[in-house]
Full PDB file with SEQRES, HELIX, SHEET, SSBOND, CRYST1, ORIGX, SCALE, CONECT and MASTER records, all heavy atoms in Angstrom:
SEQRES   1 A   44  TRP ALA PHE GLY ALA CYS GLY VAL GLY MET LEU ILE SER          
SEQRES   2 A   44  ALA LEU SER PHE ALA ILE GLY ARG LYS TYR LEU PRO GLN          
SEQRES   3 A   44  GLY GLN ARG ARG GLU GLN SER VAL GLU ALA VAL HIS ILE          
SEQRES   4 A   44  SER GLY ASP PRO SER                                          
HELIX    1 AA1 ALA A    2  GLY A   20  1                                  19    
HELIX    2 AA2 ARG A   21  TYR A   23  5                                   3    
HELIX    3 AA3 ARG A   30  GLY A   41  1                                  12    
CRYST1    1.000    1.000    1.000  90.00  90.00  90.00 P 1           1          
ORIGX1      1.000000  0.000000  0.000000        0.00000                         
ORIGX2      0.000000  1.000000  0.000000        0.00000                         
ORIGX3      0.000000  0.000000  1.000000        0.00000                         
SCALE1      1.000000  0.000000  0.000000        0.00000                         
SCALE2      0.000000  1.000000  0.000000        0.00000                         
SCALE3      0.000000  0.000000  1.000000        0.00000                         
ATOM      1  N   TRP A   1      12.111 -18.966 -20.763  1.00  0.00           N  
ATOM      2  CA  TRP A   1      11.985 -19.610 -19.366  1.00  0.00           C  
ATOM      3  C   TRP A   1      12.285 -18.582 -18.394  1.00  0.00           C  
ATOM      4  O   TRP A   1      11.563 -18.544 -17.367  1.00  0.00           O  
ATOM      5  CB  TRP A   1      12.754 -20.887 -19.251  1.00  0.00           C  
ATOM      6  CG  TRP A   1      12.317 -22.143 -20.078  1.00  0.00           C  
ATOM      7  CD1 TRP A   1      12.539 -22.377 -21.475  1.00  0.00           C  
ATOM      8  CD2 TRP A   1      11.280 -22.968 -19.727  1.00  0.00           C  
ATOM      9  NE1 TRP A   1      11.792 -23.475 -21.690  1.00  0.00           N  
ATOM     10  CE2 TRP A   1      10.997 -23.911 -20.664  1.00  0.00           C  
ATOM     11  CE3 TRP A   1      10.554 -23.184 -18.442  1.00  0.00           C  
ATOM     12  CZ2 TRP A   1      10.089 -25.005 -20.509  1.00  0.00           C  
ATOM     13  CZ3 TRP A   1       9.591 -24.299 -18.344  1.00  0.00           C  
ATOM     14  CH2 TRP A   1       9.442 -25.126 -19.379  1.00  0.00           C  
ATOM     15  N   ALA A   2      13.379 -17.881 -18.492  1.00  0.00           N  
ATOM     16  CA  ALA A   2      13.877 -16.924 -17.515  1.00  0.00           C  
ATOM     17  C   ALA A   2      12.766 -15.837 -17.330  1.00  0.00           C  
ATOM     18  O   ALA A   2      12.298 -15.486 -16.201  1.00  0.00           O  
ATOM     19  CB  ALA A   2      15.162 -16.337 -17.801  1.00  0.00           C  
ATOM     20  N   PHE A   3      12.185 -15.283 -18.444  1.00  0.00           N  
ATOM     21  CA  PHE A   3      11.253 -14.248 -18.371  1.00  0.00           C  
ATOM     22  C   PHE A   3       9.983 -14.789 -17.829  1.00  0.00           C  
ATOM     23  O   PHE A   3       9.127 -14.163 -17.096  1.00  0.00           O  
ATOM     24  CB  PHE A   3      11.040 -13.679 -19.760  1.00  0.00           C  
ATOM     25  CG  PHE A   3      12.170 -12.837 -20.228  1.00  0.00           C  
ATOM     26  CD1 PHE A   3      12.693 -12.906 -21.430  1.00  0.00           C  
ATOM     27  CD2 PHE A   3      12.502 -11.702 -19.373  1.00  0.00           C  
ATOM     28  CE1 PHE A   3      13.741 -12.144 -21.866  1.00  0.00           C  
ATOM     29  CE2 PHE A   3      13.589 -10.851 -19.945  1.00  0.00           C  
ATOM     30  CZ  PHE A   3      14.183 -11.082 -21.101  1.00  0.00           C  
ATOM     31  N   GLY A   4       9.743 -16.110 -18.159  1.00  0.00           N  
ATOM     32  CA  GLY A   4       8.503 -16.757 -17.638  1.00  0.00           C  
ATOM     33  C   GLY A   4       8.590 -16.870 -16.094  1.00  0.00           C  
ATOM     34  O   GLY A   4       7.510 -16.639 -15.404  1.00  0.00           O  
ATOM     35  N   ALA A   5       9.685 -17.237 -15.563  1.00  0.00           N  
ATOM     36  CA  ALA A   5       9.888 -17.356 -14.233  1.00  0.00           C  
ATOM     37  C   ALA A   5       9.544 -15.948 -13.487  1.00  0.00           C  
ATOM     38  O   ALA A   5       9.030 -15.835 -12.415  1.00  0.00           O  
ATOM     39  CB  ALA A   5      11.331 -17.786 -13.869  1.00  0.00           C  
ATOM     40  N   CYS A   6      10.107 -14.805 -14.109  1.00  0.00           N  
ATOM     41  CA  CYS A   6       9.759 -13.592 -13.570  1.00  0.00           C  
ATOM     42  C   CYS A   6       8.209 -13.195 -13.567  1.00  0.00           C  
ATOM     43  O   CYS A   6       7.761 -12.644 -12.581  1.00  0.00           O  
ATOM     44  CB  CYS A   6      10.537 -12.457 -14.368  1.00  0.00           C  
ATOM     45  SG  CYS A   6      12.321 -12.508 -14.247  1.00  0.00           S  
ATOM     46  N   GLY A   7       7.510 -13.666 -14.601  1.00  0.00           N  
ATOM     47  CA  GLY A   7       6.105 -13.534 -14.783  1.00  0.00           C  
ATOM     48  C   GLY A   7       5.537 -14.333 -13.660  1.00  0.00           C  
ATOM     49  O   GLY A   7       4.411 -13.892 -13.100  1.00  0.00           O  
ATOM     50  N   VAL A   8       5.895 -15.579 -13.402  1.00  0.00           N  
ATOM     51  CA  VAL A   8       5.287 -16.374 -12.312  1.00  0.00           C  
ATOM     52  C   VAL A   8       5.532 -15.707 -11.071  1.00  0.00           C  
ATOM     53  O   VAL A   8       4.652 -15.673 -10.079  1.00  0.00           O  
ATOM     54  CB  VAL A   8       5.972 -17.724 -12.389  1.00  0.00           C  
ATOM     55  CG1 VAL A   8       5.402 -18.579 -11.202  1.00  0.00           C  
ATOM     56  CG2 VAL A   8       5.473 -18.477 -13.702  1.00  0.00           C  
ATOM     57  N   GLY A   9       6.754 -15.056 -10.828  1.00  0.00           N  
ATOM     58  CA  GLY A   9       7.129 -14.387  -9.592  1.00  0.00           C  
ATOM     59  C   GLY A   9       6.059 -13.185  -9.371  1.00  0.00           C  
ATOM     60  O   GLY A   9       5.595 -13.039  -8.150  1.00  0.00           O  
ATOM     61  N   MET A  10       5.731 -12.459 -10.456  1.00  0.00           N  
ATOM     62  CA  MET A  10       4.748 -11.485 -10.249  1.00  0.00           C  
ATOM     63  C   MET A  10       3.330 -11.854  -9.889  1.00  0.00           C  
ATOM     64  O   MET A  10       2.630 -11.358  -9.244  1.00  0.00           O  
ATOM     65  CB  MET A  10       4.695 -10.564 -11.473  1.00  0.00           C  
ATOM     66  CG  MET A  10       5.754  -9.517 -11.546  1.00  0.00           C  
ATOM     67  SD  MET A  10       6.127  -8.534 -10.030  1.00  0.00           S  
ATOM     68  CE  MET A  10       4.374  -7.963  -9.713  1.00  0.00           C  
ATOM     69  N   LEU A  11       2.979 -12.975 -10.498  1.00  0.00           N  
ATOM     70  CA  LEU A  11       1.756 -13.650 -10.248  1.00  0.00           C  
ATOM     71  C   LEU A  11       1.592 -14.128  -8.652  1.00  0.00           C  
ATOM     72  O   LEU A  11       0.564 -13.934  -8.160  1.00  0.00           O  
ATOM     73  CB  LEU A  11       1.428 -14.849 -11.098  1.00  0.00           C  
ATOM     74  CG  LEU A  11       1.090 -14.525 -12.653  1.00  0.00           C  
ATOM     75  CD1 LEU A  11       0.919 -15.676 -13.402  1.00  0.00           C  
ATOM     76  CD2 LEU A  11      -0.148 -13.561 -12.804  1.00  0.00           C  
ATOM     77  N   ILE A  12       2.763 -14.611  -8.330  1.00  0.00           N  
ATOM     78  CA  ILE A  12       2.822 -15.008  -6.769  1.00  0.00           C  
ATOM     79  C   ILE A  12       2.668 -13.739  -5.931  1.00  0.00           C  
ATOM     80  O   ILE A  12       1.926 -13.829  -4.835  1.00  0.00           O  
ATOM     81  CB  ILE A  12       4.066 -15.745  -6.515  1.00  0.00           C  
ATOM     82  CG1 ILE A  12       4.099 -17.179  -7.244  1.00  0.00           C  
ATOM     83  CG2 ILE A  12       4.200 -15.995  -5.033  1.00  0.00           C  
ATOM     84  CD1 ILE A  12       5.419 -17.820  -7.120  1.00  0.00           C  
ATOM     85  N   SER A  13       3.262 -12.613  -6.278  1.00  0.00           N  
ATOM     86  CA  SER A  13       3.210 -11.319  -5.752  1.00  0.00           C  
ATOM     87  C   SER A  13       1.747 -10.900  -5.566  1.00  0.00           C  
ATOM     88  O   SER A  13       1.330 -10.477  -4.459  1.00  0.00           O  
ATOM     89  CB  SER A  13       4.111 -10.335  -6.354  1.00  0.00           C  
ATOM     90  OG  SER A  13       4.034  -9.136  -5.693  1.00  0.00           O  
ATOM     91  N   ALA A  14       1.143 -10.999  -6.685  1.00  0.00           N  
ATOM     92  CA  ALA A  14      -0.264 -10.644  -6.781  1.00  0.00           C  
ATOM     93  C   ALA A  14      -1.251 -11.468  -5.901  1.00  0.00           C  
ATOM     94  O   ALA A  14      -2.053 -11.048  -5.175  1.00  0.00           O  
ATOM     95  CB  ALA A  14      -0.853 -10.542  -8.343  1.00  0.00           C  
ATOM     96  N   LEU A  15      -0.927 -12.766  -5.861  1.00  0.00           N  
ATOM     97  CA  LEU A  15      -1.625 -13.721  -5.240  1.00  0.00           C  
ATOM     98  C   LEU A  15      -1.498 -13.484  -3.654  1.00  0.00           C  
ATOM     99  O   LEU A  15      -2.383 -13.450  -2.850  1.00  0.00           O  
ATOM    100  CB  LEU A  15      -1.359 -15.068  -5.491  1.00  0.00           C  
ATOM    101  CG  LEU A  15      -2.006 -16.204  -4.810  1.00  0.00           C  
ATOM    102  CD1 LEU A  15      -3.633 -16.208  -5.030  1.00  0.00           C  
ATOM    103  CD2 LEU A  15      -1.542 -17.603  -5.302  1.00  0.00           C  
ATOM    104  N   SER A  16      -0.232 -13.215  -3.273  1.00  0.00           N  
ATOM    105  CA  SER A  16       0.068 -12.940  -1.881  1.00  0.00           C  
ATOM    106  C   SER A  16      -0.660 -11.665  -1.331  1.00  0.00           C  
ATOM    107  O   SER A  16      -1.226 -11.722  -0.296  1.00  0.00           O  
ATOM    108  CB  SER A  16       1.549 -12.803  -1.667  1.00  0.00           C  
ATOM    109  OG  SER A  16       2.334 -13.869  -2.117  1.00  0.00           O  
ATOM    110  N   PHE A  17      -0.711 -10.740  -2.262  1.00  0.00           N  
ATOM    111  CA  PHE A  17      -1.461  -9.559  -1.832  1.00  0.00           C  
ATOM    112  C   PHE A  17      -2.865  -9.701  -1.735  1.00  0.00           C  
ATOM    113  O   PHE A  17      -3.756  -9.328  -0.763  1.00  0.00           O  
ATOM    114  CB  PHE A  17      -1.246  -8.376  -2.879  1.00  0.00           C  
ATOM    115  CG  PHE A  17      -1.752  -7.093  -2.536  1.00  0.00           C  
ATOM    116  CD1 PHE A  17      -1.180  -6.399  -1.588  1.00  0.00           C  
ATOM    117  CD2 PHE A  17      -2.927  -6.630  -3.148  1.00  0.00           C  
ATOM    118  CE1 PHE A  17      -1.727  -5.027  -1.205  1.00  0.00           C  
ATOM    119  CE2 PHE A  17      -3.625  -5.520  -2.720  1.00  0.00           C  
ATOM    120  CZ  PHE A  17      -2.987  -4.628  -1.862  1.00  0.00           C  
ATOM    121  N   ALA A  18      -3.509 -10.540  -2.658  1.00  0.00           N  
ATOM    122  CA  ALA A  18      -4.957 -10.902  -2.537  1.00  0.00           C  
ATOM    123  C   ALA A  18      -5.294 -11.662  -1.270  1.00  0.00           C  
ATOM    124  O   ALA A  18      -6.337 -11.333  -0.786  1.00  0.00           O  
ATOM    125  CB  ALA A  18      -5.323 -11.650  -3.875  1.00  0.00           C  
ATOM    126  N   ILE A  19      -4.441 -12.635  -0.915  1.00  0.00           N  
ATOM    127  CA  ILE A  19      -4.734 -13.447   0.251  1.00  0.00           C  
ATOM    128  C   ILE A  19      -4.695 -12.623   1.464  1.00  0.00           C  
ATOM    129  O   ILE A  19      -5.462 -12.748   2.426  1.00  0.00           O  
ATOM    130  CB  ILE A  19      -3.882 -14.583   0.195  1.00  0.00           C  
ATOM    131  CG1 ILE A  19      -4.185 -15.470  -0.961  1.00  0.00           C  
ATOM    132  CG2 ILE A  19      -4.008 -15.391   1.656  1.00  0.00           C  
ATOM    133  CD1 ILE A  19      -3.255 -16.765  -1.125  1.00  0.00           C  
ATOM    134  N   GLY A  20      -3.633 -11.797   1.620  1.00  0.00           N  
ATOM    135  CA  GLY A  20      -3.371 -11.058   2.768  1.00  0.00           C  
ATOM    136  C   GLY A  20      -3.829  -9.642   2.941  1.00  0.00           C  
ATOM    137  O   GLY A  20      -3.686  -8.893   3.824  1.00  0.00           O  
ATOM    138  N   ARG A  21      -4.703  -9.057   1.862  1.00  0.00           N  
ATOM    139  CA  ARG A  21      -5.082  -7.737   1.905  1.00  0.00           C  
ATOM    140  C   ARG A  21      -5.888  -7.438   3.126  1.00  0.00           C  
ATOM    141  O   ARG A  21      -6.092  -6.279   3.388  1.00  0.00           O  
ATOM    142  CB  ARG A  21      -5.830  -7.394   0.687  1.00  0.00           C  
ATOM    143  CG  ARG A  21      -7.061  -8.230   0.411  1.00  0.00           C  
ATOM    144  CD  ARG A  21      -7.630  -7.812  -1.082  1.00  0.00           C  
ATOM    145  NE  ARG A  21      -7.976  -6.491  -0.951  1.00  0.00           N  
ATOM    146  CZ  ARG A  21      -8.413  -5.826  -2.086  1.00  0.00           C  
ATOM    147  NH1 ARG A  21      -8.461  -6.432  -3.306  1.00  0.00           N  
ATOM    148  NH2 ARG A  21      -8.904  -4.551  -1.982  1.00  0.00           N  
ATOM    149  N   LYS A  22      -6.648  -8.378   3.723  1.00  0.00           N  
ATOM    150  CA  LYS A  22      -7.526  -8.134   4.818  1.00  0.00           C  
ATOM    151  C   LYS A  22      -6.654  -7.510   6.111  1.00  0.00           C  
ATOM    152  O   LYS A  22      -7.164  -6.964   6.961  1.00  0.00           O  
ATOM    153  CB  LYS A  22      -8.236  -9.364   5.358  1.00  0.00           C  
ATOM    154  CG  LYS A  22      -7.376 -10.464   5.698  1.00  0.00           C  
ATOM    155  CD  LYS A  22      -8.115 -11.833   5.944  1.00  0.00           C  
ATOM    156  CE  LYS A  22      -7.367 -12.891   6.430  1.00  0.00           C  
ATOM    157  NZ  LYS A  22      -8.150 -14.138   6.752  1.00  0.00           N  
ATOM    158  N   TYR A  23      -5.309  -7.765   6.048  1.00  0.00           N  
ATOM    159  CA  TYR A  23      -4.530  -7.261   7.082  1.00  0.00           C  
ATOM    160  C   TYR A  23      -3.956  -5.975   6.840  1.00  0.00           C  
ATOM    161  O   TYR A  23      -3.167  -5.420   7.779  1.00  0.00           O  
ATOM    162  CB  TYR A  23      -3.385  -8.273   7.334  1.00  0.00           C  
ATOM    163  CG  TYR A  23      -3.845  -9.520   7.936  1.00  0.00           C  
ATOM    164  CD1 TYR A  23      -3.644 -10.800   6.997  1.00  0.00           C  
ATOM    165  CD2 TYR A  23      -4.246  -9.751   9.090  1.00  0.00           C  
ATOM    166  CE1 TYR A  23      -3.948 -12.074   7.321  1.00  0.00           C  
ATOM    167  CE2 TYR A  23      -4.648 -11.165   9.577  1.00  0.00           C  
ATOM    168  CZ  TYR A  23      -4.567 -12.243   8.781  1.00  0.00           C  
ATOM    169  OH  TYR A  23      -4.983 -13.442   9.103  1.00  0.00           O  
ATOM    170  N   LEU A  24      -4.317  -5.345   5.681  1.00  0.00           N  
ATOM    171  CA  LEU A  24      -3.714  -4.123   5.390  1.00  0.00           C  
ATOM    172  C   LEU A  24      -4.645  -2.963   5.608  1.00  0.00           C  
ATOM    173  O   LEU A  24      -5.871  -3.261   5.446  1.00  0.00           O  
ATOM    174  CB  LEU A  24      -3.266  -4.181   3.797  1.00  0.00           C  
ATOM    175  CG  LEU A  24      -2.221  -5.187   3.522  1.00  0.00           C  
ATOM    176  CD1 LEU A  24      -1.992  -5.249   1.965  1.00  0.00           C  
ATOM    177  CD2 LEU A  24      -0.934  -4.958   4.300  1.00  0.00           C  
ATOM    178  N   PRO A  25      -4.263  -1.787   5.829  1.00  0.00           N  
ATOM    179  CA  PRO A  25      -5.139  -0.609   6.084  1.00  0.00           C  
ATOM    180  C   PRO A  25      -5.783  -0.223   4.834  1.00  0.00           C  
ATOM    181  O   PRO A  25      -5.323  -0.285   3.679  1.00  0.00           O  
ATOM    182  CB  PRO A  25      -4.118   0.524   6.474  1.00  0.00           C  
ATOM    183  CG  PRO A  25      -2.798   0.082   5.883  1.00  0.00           C  
ATOM    184  CD  PRO A  25      -2.772  -1.440   5.960  1.00  0.00           C  
ATOM    185  N   GLN A  26      -7.038   0.169   5.024  1.00  0.00           N  
ATOM    186  CA  GLN A  26      -7.917   0.520   3.881  1.00  0.00           C  
ATOM    187  C   GLN A  26      -7.616   1.985   3.429  1.00  0.00           C  
ATOM    188  O   GLN A  26      -7.920   2.269   2.372  1.00  0.00           O  
ATOM    189  CB  GLN A  26      -9.426   0.244   4.148  1.00  0.00           C  
ATOM    190  CG  GLN A  26      -9.760  -1.212   4.412  1.00  0.00           C  
ATOM    191  CD  GLN A  26     -11.381  -1.308   4.647  1.00  0.00           C  
ATOM    192  OE1 GLN A  26     -12.043  -0.409   4.350  1.00  0.00           O  
ATOM    193  NE2 GLN A  26     -11.572  -2.400   5.172  1.00  0.00           N  
ATOM    194  N   GLY A  27      -7.325   2.793   4.264  1.00  0.00           N  
ATOM    195  CA  GLY A  27      -7.025   4.158   3.915  1.00  0.00           C  
ATOM    196  C   GLY A  27      -6.101   4.886   4.873  1.00  0.00           C  
ATOM    197  O   GLY A  27      -5.475   4.229   5.727  1.00  0.00           O  
ATOM    198  N   GLN A  28      -6.155   6.181   4.799  1.00  0.00           N  
ATOM    199  CA  GLN A  28      -5.241   7.055   5.657  1.00  0.00           C  
ATOM    200  C   GLN A  28      -5.636   6.884   7.204  1.00  0.00           C  
ATOM    201  O   GLN A  28      -6.762   6.831   7.631  1.00  0.00           O  
ATOM    202  CB  GLN A  28      -5.484   8.506   5.234  1.00  0.00           C  
ATOM    203  CG  GLN A  28      -4.405   9.603   5.898  1.00  0.00           C  
ATOM    204  CD  GLN A  28      -3.200   9.451   5.044  1.00  0.00           C  
ATOM    205  OE1 GLN A  28      -2.519   8.507   4.765  1.00  0.00           O  
ATOM    206  NE2 GLN A  28      -2.930  10.646   4.413  1.00  0.00           N  
ATOM    207  N   ARG A  29      -4.612   6.896   8.117  1.00  0.00           N  
ATOM    208  CA  ARG A  29      -4.777   6.889   9.448  1.00  0.00           C  
ATOM    209  C   ARG A  29      -5.303   8.211   9.950  1.00  0.00           C  
ATOM    210  O   ARG A  29      -4.996   9.275   9.423  1.00  0.00           O  
ATOM    211  CB  ARG A  29      -3.551   6.609  10.151  1.00  0.00           C  
ATOM    212  CG  ARG A  29      -3.178   5.132  10.169  1.00  0.00           C  
ATOM    213  CD  ARG A  29      -1.893   4.866  11.193  1.00  0.00           C  
ATOM    214  NE  ARG A  29      -1.752   3.456  11.227  1.00  0.00           N  
ATOM    215  CZ  ARG A  29      -2.343   2.538  12.028  1.00  0.00           C  
ATOM    216  NH1 ARG A  29      -3.158   2.991  12.911  1.00  0.00           N  
ATOM    217  NH2 ARG A  29      -1.921   1.330  12.086  1.00  0.00           N  
ATOM    218  N   ARG A  30      -6.191   8.230  10.968  1.00  0.00           N  
ATOM    219  CA  ARG A  30      -6.737   9.524  11.484  1.00  0.00           C  
ATOM    220  C   ARG A  30      -5.564  10.379  11.958  1.00  0.00           C  
ATOM    221  O   ARG A  30      -5.595  11.604  11.734  1.00  0.00           O  
ATOM    222  CB  ARG A  30      -7.619   9.082  12.541  1.00  0.00           C  
ATOM    223  CG  ARG A  30      -8.348  10.416  13.233  1.00  0.00           C  
ATOM    224  CD  ARG A  30      -9.177   9.925  14.406  1.00  0.00           C  
ATOM    225  NE  ARG A  30      -8.452   9.365  15.488  1.00  0.00           N  
ATOM    226  CZ  ARG A  30      -7.773  10.057  16.472  1.00  0.00           C  
ATOM    227  NH1 ARG A  30      -7.701  11.282  16.263  1.00  0.00           N  
ATOM    228  NH2 ARG A  30      -7.139   9.323  17.336  1.00  0.00           N  
ATOM    229  N   GLU A  31      -4.545   9.735  12.637  1.00  0.00           N  
ATOM    230  CA  GLU A  31      -3.479  10.588  13.166  1.00  0.00           C  
ATOM    231  C   GLU A  31      -2.775  11.292  12.005  1.00  0.00           C  
ATOM    232  O   GLU A  31      -2.398  12.463  12.210  1.00  0.00           O  
ATOM    233  CB  GLU A  31      -2.483   9.834  14.074  1.00  0.00           C  
ATOM    234  CG  GLU A  31      -3.092   9.161  15.407  1.00  0.00           C  
ATOM    235  CD  GLU A  31      -4.017   8.008  15.087  1.00  0.00           C  
ATOM    236  OE1 GLU A  31      -4.092   7.514  13.977  1.00  0.00           O  
ATOM    237  OE2 GLU A  31      -4.555   7.403  16.082  1.00  0.00           O  
ATOM    238  N   GLN A  32      -2.475  10.559  10.961  1.00  0.00           N  
ATOM    239  CA  GLN A  32      -1.720  11.294   9.873  1.00  0.00           C  
ATOM    240  C   GLN A  32      -2.722  12.343   9.191  1.00  0.00           C  
ATOM    241  O   GLN A  32      -2.161  13.286   8.788  1.00  0.00           O  
ATOM    242  CB  GLN A  32      -1.354  10.194   8.836  1.00  0.00           C  
ATOM    243  CG  GLN A  32      -0.183   9.316   9.355  1.00  0.00           C  
ATOM    244  CD  GLN A  32       0.119   8.300   8.354  1.00  0.00           C  
ATOM    245  OE1 GLN A  32      -0.729   7.521   7.780  1.00  0.00           O  
ATOM    246  NE2 GLN A  32       1.416   8.023   8.194  1.00  0.00           N  
ATOM    247  N   SER A  33      -3.941  12.097   9.226  1.00  0.00           N  
ATOM    248  CA  SER A  33      -4.848  13.128   8.604  1.00  0.00           C  
ATOM    249  C   SER A  33      -4.825  14.258   9.465  1.00  0.00           C  
ATOM    250  O   SER A  33      -4.872  15.531   8.883  1.00  0.00           O  
ATOM    251  CB  SER A  33      -6.206  12.538   8.610  1.00  0.00           C  
ATOM    252  OG  SER A  33      -6.234  11.388   7.800  1.00  0.00           O  
ATOM    253  N   VAL A  34      -4.830  14.170  10.732  1.00  0.00           N  
ATOM    254  CA  VAL A  34      -4.855  15.392  11.604  1.00  0.00           C  
ATOM    255  C   VAL A  34      -3.635  16.258  11.522  1.00  0.00           C  
ATOM    256  O   VAL A  34      -3.619  17.421  11.285  1.00  0.00           O  
ATOM    257  CB  VAL A  34      -4.965  14.857  13.108  1.00  0.00           C  
ATOM    258  CG1 VAL A  34      -4.765  16.038  14.082  1.00  0.00           C  
ATOM    259  CG2 VAL A  34      -6.382  14.251  13.364  1.00  0.00           C  
ATOM    260  N   GLU A  35      -2.446  15.388  11.431  1.00  0.00           N  
ATOM    261  CA  GLU A  35      -1.277  16.196  11.219  1.00  0.00           C  
ATOM    262  C   GLU A  35      -1.258  16.881   9.956  1.00  0.00           C  
ATOM    263  O   GLU A  35      -0.704  18.054   9.846  1.00  0.00           O  
ATOM    264  CB  GLU A  35       0.087  15.054  11.357  1.00  0.00           C  
ATOM    265  CG  GLU A  35       1.285  15.812  11.115  1.00  0.00           C  
ATOM    266  CD  GLU A  35       2.516  14.686  10.949  1.00  0.00           C  
ATOM    267  OE1 GLU A  35       2.250  13.723  10.465  1.00  0.00           O  
ATOM    268  OE2 GLU A  35       3.641  15.189  11.190  1.00  0.00           O  
ATOM    269  N   ALA A  36      -1.613  16.166   8.849  1.00  0.00           N  
ATOM    270  CA  ALA A  36      -1.588  16.873   7.535  1.00  0.00           C  
ATOM    271  C   ALA A  36      -2.509  18.126   7.409  1.00  0.00           C  
ATOM    272  O   ALA A  36      -2.073  19.196   6.980  1.00  0.00           O  
ATOM    273  CB  ALA A  36      -2.140  15.866   6.541  1.00  0.00           C  
ATOM    274  N   VAL A  37      -3.646  18.051   8.149  1.00  0.00           N  
ATOM    275  CA  VAL A  37      -4.531  19.153   8.138  1.00  0.00           C  
ATOM    276  C   VAL A  37      -3.837  20.366   9.004  1.00  0.00           C  
ATOM    277  O   VAL A  37      -3.841  21.497   8.595  1.00  0.00           O  
ATOM    278  CB  VAL A  37      -5.842  18.933   8.872  1.00  0.00           C  
ATOM    279  CG1 VAL A  37      -6.721  20.075   9.100  1.00  0.00           C  
ATOM    280  CG2 VAL A  37      -6.651  17.865   7.920  1.00  0.00           C  
ATOM    281  N   HIS A  38      -3.107  20.032  10.093  1.00  0.00           N  
ATOM    282  CA  HIS A  38      -2.399  21.006  10.850  1.00  0.00           C  
ATOM    283  C   HIS A  38      -1.417  21.638   9.968  1.00  0.00           C  
ATOM    284  O   HIS A  38      -1.202  22.925  10.040  1.00  0.00           O  
ATOM    285  CB  HIS A  38      -1.715  20.204  12.190  1.00  0.00           C  
ATOM    286  CG  HIS A  38      -0.830  21.281  13.082  1.00  0.00           C  
ATOM    287  ND1 HIS A  38      -1.261  22.211  13.566  1.00  0.00           N  
ATOM    288  CD2 HIS A  38       0.456  21.242  12.981  1.00  0.00           C  
ATOM    289  CE1 HIS A  38      -0.305  22.956  14.140  1.00  0.00           C  
ATOM    290  NE2 HIS A  38       0.838  22.277  13.839  1.00  0.00           N  
ATOM    291  N   ILE A  39      -0.526  20.876   9.415  1.00  0.00           N  
ATOM    292  CA  ILE A  39       0.554  21.416   8.436  1.00  0.00           C  
ATOM    293  C   ILE A  39       0.076  22.266   7.369  1.00  0.00           C  
ATOM    294  O   ILE A  39       0.489  23.395   7.168  1.00  0.00           O  
ATOM    295  CB  ILE A  39       1.362  20.307   7.923  1.00  0.00           C  
ATOM    296  CG1 ILE A  39       2.177  19.588   9.185  1.00  0.00           C  
ATOM    297  CG2 ILE A  39       2.393  20.775   6.953  1.00  0.00           C  
ATOM    298  CD1 ILE A  39       2.925  18.514   8.666  1.00  0.00           C  
ATOM    299  N   SER A  40      -1.048  21.784   6.751  1.00  0.00           N  
ATOM    300  CA  SER A  40      -1.578  22.546   5.578  1.00  0.00           C  
ATOM    301  C   SER A  40      -2.121  23.806   6.040  1.00  0.00           C  
ATOM    302  O   SER A  40      -2.311  24.839   5.323  1.00  0.00           O  
ATOM    303  CB  SER A  40      -2.497  21.734   4.731  1.00  0.00           C  
ATOM    304  OG  SER A  40      -3.640  21.267   5.661  1.00  0.00           O  
ATOM    305  N   GLY A  41      -2.668  23.851   7.275  1.00  0.00           N  
ATOM    306  CA  GLY A  41      -3.399  25.117   7.744  1.00  0.00           C  
ATOM    307  C   GLY A  41      -2.416  26.119   8.392  1.00  0.00           C  
ATOM    308  O   GLY A  41      -2.920  27.131   8.793  1.00  0.00           O  
ATOM    309  N   ASP A  42      -1.182  25.793   8.475  1.00  0.00           N  
ATOM    310  CA  ASP A  42      -0.156  26.701   8.994  1.00  0.00           C  
ATOM    311  C   ASP A  42       0.835  27.012   7.988  1.00  0.00           C  
ATOM    312  O   ASP A  42       1.818  26.130   7.731  1.00  0.00           O  
ATOM    313  CB  ASP A  42       0.485  26.245  10.239  1.00  0.00           C  
ATOM    314  CG  ASP A  42       1.435  27.155  10.799  1.00  0.00           C  
ATOM    315  OD1 ASP A  42       1.763  28.053  10.295  1.00  0.00           O  
ATOM    316  OD2 ASP A  42       1.956  26.850  11.889  1.00  0.00           O  
ATOM    317  N   PRO A  43       0.942  28.140   7.173  1.00  0.00           N  
ATOM    318  CA  PRO A  43       1.875  28.247   6.026  1.00  0.00           C  
ATOM    319  C   PRO A  43       3.176  28.232   6.596  1.00  0.00           C  
ATOM    320  O   PRO A  43       4.124  27.628   5.824  1.00  0.00           O  
ATOM    321  CB  PRO A  43       1.504  29.716   5.694  1.00  0.00           C  
ATOM    322  CG  PRO A  43       0.009  30.017   6.150  1.00  0.00           C  
ATOM    323  CD  PRO A  43       0.047  29.190   7.325  1.00  0.00           C  
ATOM    324  N   SER A  44       3.750  28.627   7.730  1.00  0.00           N  
ATOM    325  CA  SER A  44       5.111  28.575   8.216  1.00  0.00           C  
ATOM    326  C   SER A  44       5.425  27.167   8.461  1.00  0.00           C  
ATOM    327  O   SER A  44       6.560  26.718   8.075  1.00  0.00           O  
ATOM    328  CB  SER A  44       5.282  29.429   9.370  1.00  0.00           C  
ATOM    329  OG  SER A  44       4.520  28.957  10.435  1.00  0.00           O  
TER     330      SER A  44                                                      
MASTER        0    0    0    3    0    0    0    6  329    1    0    4          
END                                                                             
């Protein structure tokens, strides 16, 4: 029963993510991409 409760908890976690995923970013932010390109383009 205890392990089953943990399994149910993970199912609730998955369901919460499925319901609310529309509020989450789909990919990298443009500002972070620009910074990453800047850093990777300057060895120092």
